[in-house]
Each structure stands twice: as structure tokens, then as C-alpha cells.
Amino acid sequence: MRPTAKIQTEAAHTPGKPGRALYLTGIALVAVYLFWGGTYLGMKVAVESMPPFLMAGARFFSAGVVLYILSRLGGARRPMLKEWRSAAIVGALLLLGGNGVVAWAEQRVSSSVASLIVAAVPVWMLLIGWLGRGGKRPGAGVIAGIVLGFLGIAVLVLQPGQGSGSGQSFDIIGIIALLTASISWAAGSMYSRSARLPGSPLMSTAVQMLTGGVLLMIFSVFTGDWGQLNIAQITGRSYLAFGYLVVFGSVIGYTAYIWLLKNAEPTLVSTYAFVNPVVAVLLGWLLAGEQLTAGTWISAVIIIASVAVVTVFRSRPVKVQDSNSSNA
């Protein structure tokens, strides 16, 4: 019997079990909301004194080792060679082209702005699926969500008085990098739906993190990250942020997410896609002193609303894991 069925059966026939399941679901949701929402600020702080691609590579490789061990202890089989190859492709698109570029962009862009642009990933996924071969035209509600998403990004990017320079929310290069990272993440998510990956969700994520982490560290050689690395100059706050990203963002946050996929309604789990950017914006404002203009607040409302509309109206369900697991 699958874990989900077992929990549901026990909850239905054992006094007190429904309350316990609801309690655990609440804890897991809070973990995903807060820990994944905090990864944007975590990356921002980590790259203050750590080279971005090298930091991201070390983060995902470390988390991948932990998840690999946990999945093997849980009975998952060793991945086959074809599964490692597929995982490398997914890892390249999601972690190298996606998360690694986000980490680099956060040297130039606030964590709040980064989280809002990445929040539109579900919109890009639907657009890619629609325009791809054999893609079906989405319904009016989904199209409205897509248009709303692009409107929110436009409001964010075209704010008057914004541009490069210290103290400003973002520059155009950072925005382009974030848009590129979002498209790469969306493409990787679409590919992963048909890729041959391990059946165990934890093992699948472990091999993606391991291969993606290695690719990030190799790529960091060509970006000059190793030459910029100065261990003596890495600050304590950057070390703490890195530890947060590995332990809370990847290991605990993702484990809670996997548990939710098995034990909670998909529509409930999918709410993280528009809660995370809210958490990221608030944390950036409260803890990092990031400036939030009226335009940023307006774009936040529009983008989050677009993700909510797409989530509600999409006619063909998209795996919740694909939407924003760049925070894993």
C-alpha cells in the first residue's frame, strides 16, 4: 500500500488521526512557505562574499549528497546510467541555467525583484507548452493569466527612475538574466515531465542536484569564480546564508514538499507558488532594507494574481514540483 493510501486509511478509521494529519500538513506548508520564500534573501546574502556559480554548485552538491543518502536509506534503488544522463540535462536547465543565473543576478538585483520575476515561471511553462509541437490552446482563463503575468513583469521592469547603479532595485542586465533563468527553468521543468528519471522523488531530486551541482562548479571555472574565491574574506553572514540554503532551503524544505505531494491536495500544495514571492518580498524589506516602490507593490500583486489565475484555470494540470522548485 502506498504511503498516501495508508495515511488516508488510518486517518479515516483511527480517532485523532485526522487532526494529526492536519497538524503535520500545516507544519509542512509553513516550512515550504517560509524556507523556500527565504531562499531569495539567502542567495542575496551568500553572494555578498561568495562567487555565485561556485556557491550554487556547492549548495546543490551538498544537498544532493544528503538527499541521496536519505533516499538510499529509505529503500530507493541506485539510478541507472540513462537516469543520470536525463538528470544532468534537467540539472543543467534548472540549476545551472536557472538557479545559478538567479544567484548571479542577485548581485545586481534585489531579492524582492528576483522573487517576483521567478514567480512567473508557471506562466512561461504554459506558454512554452502552448507554442511547442502538439501544444493545445489554453482556455480563456489561462490566457488571461498569461497576459496578466506579462503585464506584471512590464510594470516591474518599466518603473520610472530605475536602472543600474548602487541603491537601486535592479538594472537591465540583471532583469534580462532573471528572465533568461526563468525561461531556462520552465524549459527544464517541461523536459523533466517526459525525461527518464528515478521513480523515487527524493532520489530523482538527489541526482538532479548532484549533476547540477557538478555542472555549476565546472561552469564557475569559466566565469572566473575560482579566481575570485577568497575563503578568508567570506563573511560569517554569508556562511550562515549558505548553511540556510543547504539545510532549510534544499533538504528540509524539499523533504516537507515531497511529504505534501503524497499527503495533501495538489491545489493546496500549489499555493506555495504565489506565497513564496510574498514571503521573499517581506523578508527583503524587513531584514535587508530593500526599497519597495509603489510600482514594485503593484507588480507584486499583478504577478501573484497571474500565477493564481493560471493555477486555477489551467485545463491540463502541471506537476506542482515543476513550478518553483528552484528554491529547493
Protein backbone atom coordinates (compact mmCIF):
# COMPACT_ATOMS: atom_id res chain seq x y z
CA MET A 1 0.00 0.00 0.00
CA ARG A 2 1.33 3.45 -0.92
CA PRO A 3 2.10 5.88 1.94
CA THR A 4 -0.69 8.20 0.84
CA ALA A 5 -3.30 5.49 0.88
CA LYS A 6 -2.05 4.20 4.20
CA ILE A 7 -2.23 7.60 5.85
CA GLN A 8 -5.66 8.28 4.42
CA THR A 9 -6.95 4.90 5.57
CA GLU A 10 -5.58 5.30 9.07
CA ALA A 11 -6.88 8.86 9.25
CA ALA A 12 -10.33 7.69 8.27
CA HIS A 13 -10.63 4.88 10.83
CA THR A 14 -8.44 5.88 13.75
CA PRO A 15 -9.61 8.50 16.26
CA GLY A 16 -7.32 11.52 16.38
CA LYS A 17 -5.52 10.72 13.12
CA PRO A 18 -7.29 13.37 11.01
CA GLY A 19 -6.24 16.05 13.50
CA ARG A 20 -2.65 14.80 13.48
CA ALA A 21 -2.55 14.71 9.67
CA LEU A 22 -3.91 18.27 9.54
CA TYR A 23 -1.30 19.37 12.07
CA LEU A 24 1.54 17.81 10.05
CA THR A 25 0.20 19.32 6.84
CA GLY A 26 0.18 22.76 8.45
CA ILE A 27 3.77 22.38 9.65
CA ALA A 28 4.94 21.18 6.22
CA LEU A 29 3.17 24.06 4.45
CA VAL A 30 4.70 26.63 6.79
CA ALA A 31 8.13 25.07 6.18
CA VAL A 32 7.74 25.32 2.41
CA TYR A 33 6.26 28.82 2.57
CA LEU A 34 8.94 30.26 4.86
CA PHE A 35 12.04 28.25 3.97
CA TRP A 36 11.60 28.46 0.21
CA GLY A 37 10.46 32.08 0.41
CA GLY A 38 13.64 32.84 2.35
CA THR A 39 15.98 31.33 -0.25
CA TYR A 40 15.98 34.52 -2.31
CA LEU A 41 17.31 36.56 0.59
CA GLY A 42 19.63 33.67 1.45
CA MET A 43 21.17 33.77 -2.04
CA LYS A 44 21.45 37.54 -1.87
CA VAL A 45 23.43 37.36 1.38
CA ALA A 46 25.53 34.36 0.33
CA VAL A 47 26.81 36.02 -2.86
CA GLU A 48 27.93 39.07 -0.90
CA SER A 49 31.26 37.30 -0.35
CA MET A 50 30.91 34.02 -2.27
CA PRO A 51 31.21 33.71 -6.08
CA PRO A 52 27.65 32.99 -7.29
CA PHE A 53 28.05 29.93 -9.53
CA LEU A 54 30.55 28.30 -7.19
CA MET A 55 28.26 28.97 -4.23
CA ALA A 56 25.26 27.49 -6.04
CA GLY A 57 27.27 24.46 -7.14
CA ALA A 58 28.50 23.73 -3.62
CA ARG A 59 24.99 24.26 -2.26
CA PHE A 60 23.27 21.79 -4.55
CA PHE A 61 26.04 19.21 -4.49
CA SER A 62 25.99 19.20 -0.68
CA ALA A 63 22.19 18.94 -0.56
CA GLY A 64 22.27 16.26 -3.25
CA VAL A 65 24.64 14.11 -1.19
CA VAL A 66 22.32 14.35 1.83
CA LEU A 67 19.19 13.56 -0.19
CA TYR A 68 20.93 10.68 -1.98
CA ILE A 69 21.87 9.10 1.35
CA LEU A 70 18.37 9.64 2.75
CA SER A 71 16.71 8.13 -0.32
CA ARG A 72 19.01 5.10 -0.27
CA LEU A 73 18.30 4.57 3.42
CA GLY A 74 14.62 4.78 2.53
CA GLY A 75 14.97 1.90 0.08
CA ALA A 76 15.39 3.72 -3.24
CA ARG A 77 17.47 1.86 -5.84
CA ARG A 78 20.63 3.22 -7.41
CA PRO A 79 19.94 5.29 -10.53
CA MET A 80 20.69 3.80 -13.93
CA LEU A 81 23.09 5.43 -16.40
CA LYS A 82 20.21 6.74 -18.57
CA GLU A 83 18.64 8.29 -15.48
CA TRP A 84 21.90 10.04 -14.61
CA ARG A 85 22.05 11.41 -18.18
CA SER A 86 18.48 12.74 -18.02
CA ALA A 87 19.18 14.17 -14.58
CA ALA A 88 22.22 16.00 -15.97
CA ILE A 89 20.08 17.62 -18.68
CA VAL A 90 17.43 18.64 -16.16
CA GLY A 91 20.10 19.84 -13.74
CA ALA A 92 21.71 21.93 -16.48
CA LEU A 93 18.44 23.68 -17.29
CA LEU A 94 17.04 24.01 -13.77
CA LEU A 95 20.10 24.53 -11.60
CA LEU A 96 22.79 25.89 -13.92
CA GLY A 97 20.67 27.95 -16.31
CA GLY A 98 18.00 28.59 -13.70
CA ASN A 99 19.14 28.85 -10.10
CA GLY A 100 22.78 29.63 -10.86
CA VAL A 101 21.86 32.58 -13.05
CA VAL A 102 19.42 33.80 -10.39
CA ALA A 103 22.25 33.76 -7.84
CA TRP A 104 24.44 35.73 -10.25
CA ALA A 105 21.65 38.22 -10.98
CA GLU A 106 21.13 38.87 -7.28
CA GLN A 107 24.48 40.66 -7.27
CA ARG A 108 22.71 43.35 -9.29
CA VAL A 109 19.03 42.92 -8.38
CA SER A 110 17.22 42.90 -5.06
CA SER A 111 15.91 39.59 -3.74
CA SER A 112 12.37 41.02 -3.85
CA VAL A 113 12.53 41.78 -7.57
CA ALA A 114 14.19 38.42 -8.29
CA SER A 115 11.46 36.51 -6.48
CA LEU A 116 8.72 38.32 -8.39
CA ILE A 117 10.23 37.62 -11.81
CA VAL A 118 10.87 33.96 -10.96
CA ALA A 119 7.30 33.69 -9.66
CA ALA A 120 6.15 33.93 -13.28
CA VAL A 121 7.76 30.57 -14.17
CA PRO A 122 4.36 28.78 -14.36
CA VAL A 123 3.31 31.36 -16.96
CA TRP A 124 6.40 30.62 -19.07
CA MET A 125 5.75 26.89 -18.75
CA LEU A 126 2.24 27.21 -20.09
CA LEU A 127 3.41 29.47 -22.91
CA ILE A 128 6.17 27.01 -23.92
CA GLY A 129 3.70 24.14 -23.79
CA TRP A 130 1.22 26.05 -25.90
CA LEU A 131 3.73 27.10 -28.57
CA GLY A 132 5.51 23.74 -28.64
CA ARG A 133 4.75 20.95 -31.10
CA GLY A 134 1.39 19.42 -30.36
CA GLY A 135 0.58 22.12 -27.84
CA LYS A 136 -3.07 22.77 -27.12
CA ARG A 137 -4.54 26.23 -26.97
CA PRO A 138 -5.27 27.02 -23.31
CA GLY A 139 -8.62 28.28 -22.15
CA ALA A 140 -9.59 31.91 -21.78
CA GLY A 141 -8.82 31.93 -18.06
CA VAL A 142 -5.27 30.63 -18.59
CA ILE A 143 -4.65 33.13 -21.42
CA ALA A 144 -5.85 35.90 -19.12
CA GLY A 145 -3.36 34.69 -16.50
CA ILE A 146 -0.52 34.69 -19.05
CA VAL A 147 -1.33 38.22 -20.19
CA LEU A 148 -1.61 39.33 -16.57
CA GLY A 149 1.81 37.82 -15.83
CA PHE A 150 3.50 39.72 -18.65
CA LEU A 151 1.73 42.88 -17.56
CA GLY A 152 3.11 42.46 -14.05
CA ILE A 153 6.65 41.96 -15.37
CA ALA A 154 6.27 45.03 -17.59
CA VAL A 155 5.13 47.15 -14.62
CA LEU A 156 8.14 45.90 -12.65
CA VAL A 157 10.69 46.49 -15.41
CA LEU A 158 9.37 49.79 -16.74
CA GLN A 159 9.20 51.66 -13.44
CA PRO A 160 10.38 55.26 -13.96
CA GLY A 161 13.72 56.14 -12.43
CA GLN A 162 15.02 52.58 -12.28
CA GLY A 163 18.30 51.45 -13.74
CA SER A 164 21.78 50.33 -12.85
CA GLY A 165 23.68 51.84 -10.01
CA SER A 166 24.03 51.35 -6.30
CA GLY A 167 20.99 51.58 -4.13
CA GLN A 168 18.57 50.96 -6.97
CA SER A 169 16.31 47.96 -7.13
CA PHE A 170 17.68 46.46 -10.33
CA ASP A 171 19.43 47.07 -13.62
CA ILE A 172 18.52 45.91 -17.08
CA ILE A 173 21.27 43.28 -17.24
CA GLY A 174 20.04 41.72 -14.02
CA ILE A 175 16.46 41.72 -15.30
CA ILE A 176 17.46 40.06 -18.58
CA ALA A 177 19.43 37.45 -16.63
CA LEU A 178 16.41 36.70 -14.44
CA LEU A 179 14.10 36.40 -17.44
CA THR A 180 16.61 34.05 -19.08
CA ALA A 181 16.84 32.00 -15.89
CA SER A 182 13.04 31.78 -15.67
CA ILE A 183 12.76 30.54 -19.26
CA SER A 184 15.55 28.00 -18.66
CA TRP A 185 13.77 26.78 -15.54
CA ALA A 186 10.47 26.49 -17.41
CA ALA A 187 12.12 24.57 -20.27
CA GLY A 188 13.84 22.22 -17.82
CA SER A 189 10.58 21.64 -16.00
CA MET A 190 8.80 20.79 -19.25
CA TYR A 191 11.59 18.40 -20.26
CA SER A 192 11.60 16.70 -16.86
CA ARG A 193 7.97 15.66 -17.32
CA SER A 194 8.97 13.17 -20.03
CA ALA A 195 12.58 12.50 -19.03
CA ARG A 196 13.61 9.11 -17.70
CA LEU A 197 14.35 9.83 -14.05
CA PRO A 198 14.39 7.67 -10.90
CA GLY A 199 10.94 6.71 -9.65
CA SER A 200 11.68 7.89 -6.12
CA PRO A 201 11.02 11.67 -5.91
CA LEU A 202 13.84 12.11 -3.38
CA MET A 203 16.30 10.11 -5.48
CA SER A 204 15.23 11.98 -8.62
CA THR A 205 15.91 15.29 -6.92
CA ALA A 206 19.16 13.99 -5.43
CA VAL A 207 20.64 13.07 -8.81
CA GLN A 208 19.46 16.36 -10.33
CA MET A 209 21.16 18.27 -7.52
CA LEU A 210 24.34 16.19 -7.76
CA THR A 211 24.68 16.58 -11.53
CA GLY A 212 23.53 20.19 -11.48
CA GLY A 213 25.95 20.98 -8.67
CA VAL A 214 28.87 19.48 -10.59
CA LEU A 215 27.89 21.40 -13.75
CA LEU A 216 27.67 24.64 -11.78
CA MET A 217 31.14 24.12 -10.32
CA ILE A 218 32.58 23.32 -13.77
CA PHE A 219 30.88 26.39 -15.25
CA SER A 220 32.28 28.51 -12.40
CA VAL A 221 35.77 27.82 -13.76
CA PHE A 222 34.89 29.68 -16.97
CA THR A 223 33.22 32.58 -15.15
CA GLY A 224 36.31 33.19 -13.02
CA ASP A 225 34.59 32.26 -9.77
CA TRP A 226 37.52 30.15 -8.56
CA GLY A 227 39.87 33.07 -9.10
CA GLN A 228 37.51 35.33 -7.12
CA LEU A 229 37.21 32.87 -4.24
CA ASN A 230 38.92 34.11 -1.11
CA ILE A 231 37.96 31.95 1.85
CA ALA A 232 39.50 34.40 4.31
CA GLN A 233 37.13 37.13 3.10
CA ILE A 234 33.92 35.10 3.29
CA THR A 235 31.80 36.68 5.99
CA GLY A 236 30.01 34.92 8.78
CA ARG A 237 26.64 36.04 7.43
CA SER A 238 27.43 34.52 4.04
CA TYR A 239 28.34 31.22 5.73
CA LEU A 240 25.06 31.33 7.66
CA ALA A 241 23.13 32.08 4.48
CA PHE A 242 24.84 29.20 2.68
CA GLY A 243 24.00 26.84 5.54
CA TYR A 244 20.40 28.03 5.43
CA LEU A 245 20.19 27.35 1.69
CA VAL A 246 21.55 23.81 2.07
CA VAL A 247 19.74 22.73 5.23
CA PHE A 248 16.46 24.66 5.25
CA GLY A 249 16.04 25.57 1.59
CA SER A 250 17.07 22.27 -0.01
CA VAL A 251 16.99 19.41 2.50
CA ILE A 252 14.22 20.31 4.98
CA GLY A 253 12.15 22.45 2.62
CA TYR A 254 12.20 19.89 -0.17
CA THR A 255 11.53 16.95 2.17
CA ALA A 256 8.48 18.78 3.52
CA TYR A 257 7.40 19.46 -0.06
CA ILE A 258 7.69 15.78 -1.03
CA TRP A 259 5.64 14.82 2.02
CA LEU A 260 2.95 17.31 1.00
CA LEU A 261 2.80 15.88 -2.52
CA LYS A 262 1.94 12.49 -1.03
CA ASN A 263 -0.38 13.61 1.75
CA ALA A 264 -2.15 16.83 0.74
CA GLU A 265 -4.37 18.05 -2.07
CA PRO A 266 -2.34 19.28 -5.10
CA THR A 267 -4.26 22.55 -5.19
CA LEU A 268 -3.25 23.22 -1.59
CA VAL A 269 0.39 22.39 -2.26
CA SER A 270 0.44 24.63 -5.35
CA THR A 271 -0.27 27.69 -3.21
CA TYR A 272 3.46 27.92 -2.43
CA ALA A 273 3.97 29.31 -5.98
CA PHE A 274 2.30 32.58 -5.04
CA VAL A 275 3.04 32.60 -1.29
CA ASN A 276 6.82 32.33 -1.70
CA PRO A 277 7.23 35.67 -3.51
CA VAL A 278 5.16 37.41 -0.82
CA VAL A 279 7.46 35.97 1.85
CA ALA A 280 10.54 36.90 -0.18
CA VAL A 281 9.38 40.49 -0.67
CA LEU A 282 8.58 40.93 3.01
CA LEU A 283 11.86 39.38 4.18
CA GLY A 284 13.87 41.54 1.78
CA TRP A 285 12.09 44.60 3.11
CA LEU A 286 12.31 43.69 6.80
CA LEU A 287 15.77 42.10 7.02
CA ALA A 288 17.73 43.56 4.12
CA GLY A 289 16.24 47.05 3.95
CA GLU A 290 15.33 46.66 0.29
CA GLN A 291 13.43 49.58 -1.16
CA LEU A 292 9.90 48.76 -2.26
CA THR A 293 8.34 51.34 -4.54
CA ALA A 294 4.65 51.66 -5.32
CA GLY A 295 5.39 50.12 -8.71
CA THR A 296 7.02 47.10 -7.06
CA TRP A 297 3.97 46.54 -4.85
CA ILE A 298 1.63 46.88 -7.83
CA SER A 299 3.68 44.46 -9.93
CA ALA A 300 3.79 42.04 -6.99
CA VAL A 301 0.02 41.98 -6.77
CA ILE A 302 -0.34 41.54 -10.56
CA ILE A 303 2.26 38.76 -10.87
CA ILE A 304 1.00 36.82 -7.88
CA ALA A 305 -2.57 37.19 -9.16
CA SER A 306 -1.48 35.90 -12.57
CA VAL A 307 0.06 32.79 -11.02
CA ALA A 308 -3.11 32.24 -9.01
CA VAL A 309 -5.27 32.60 -12.13
CA VAL A 310 -3.09 30.21 -14.14
CA THR A 311 -3.11 27.69 -11.28
CA VAL A 312 -6.90 27.77 -11.00
CA PHE A 313 -7.81 27.82 -14.69
CA ARG A 314 -5.21 25.66 -16.39
CA SER A 315 -7.02 22.85 -18.13
CA ARG A 316 -4.09 20.46 -18.12
CA PRO A 317 -2.54 20.14 -14.64
CA VAL A 318 1.17 20.81 -14.39
CA LYS A 319 3.19 18.99 -11.75
CA VAL A 320 3.47 21.21 -8.70
CA GLN A 321 7.14 20.29 -8.41
CA ASP A 322 7.83 21.93 -11.75
CA SER A 323 6.52 25.36 -10.84
CA ASN A 324 9.10 26.81 -8.43
CA SER A 325 11.34 24.11 -7.14
CA SER A 326 14.31 26.28 -7.98
CA ASN A 327 14.12 27.12 -4.32
CA ALA A 328 14.80 23.52 -3.38
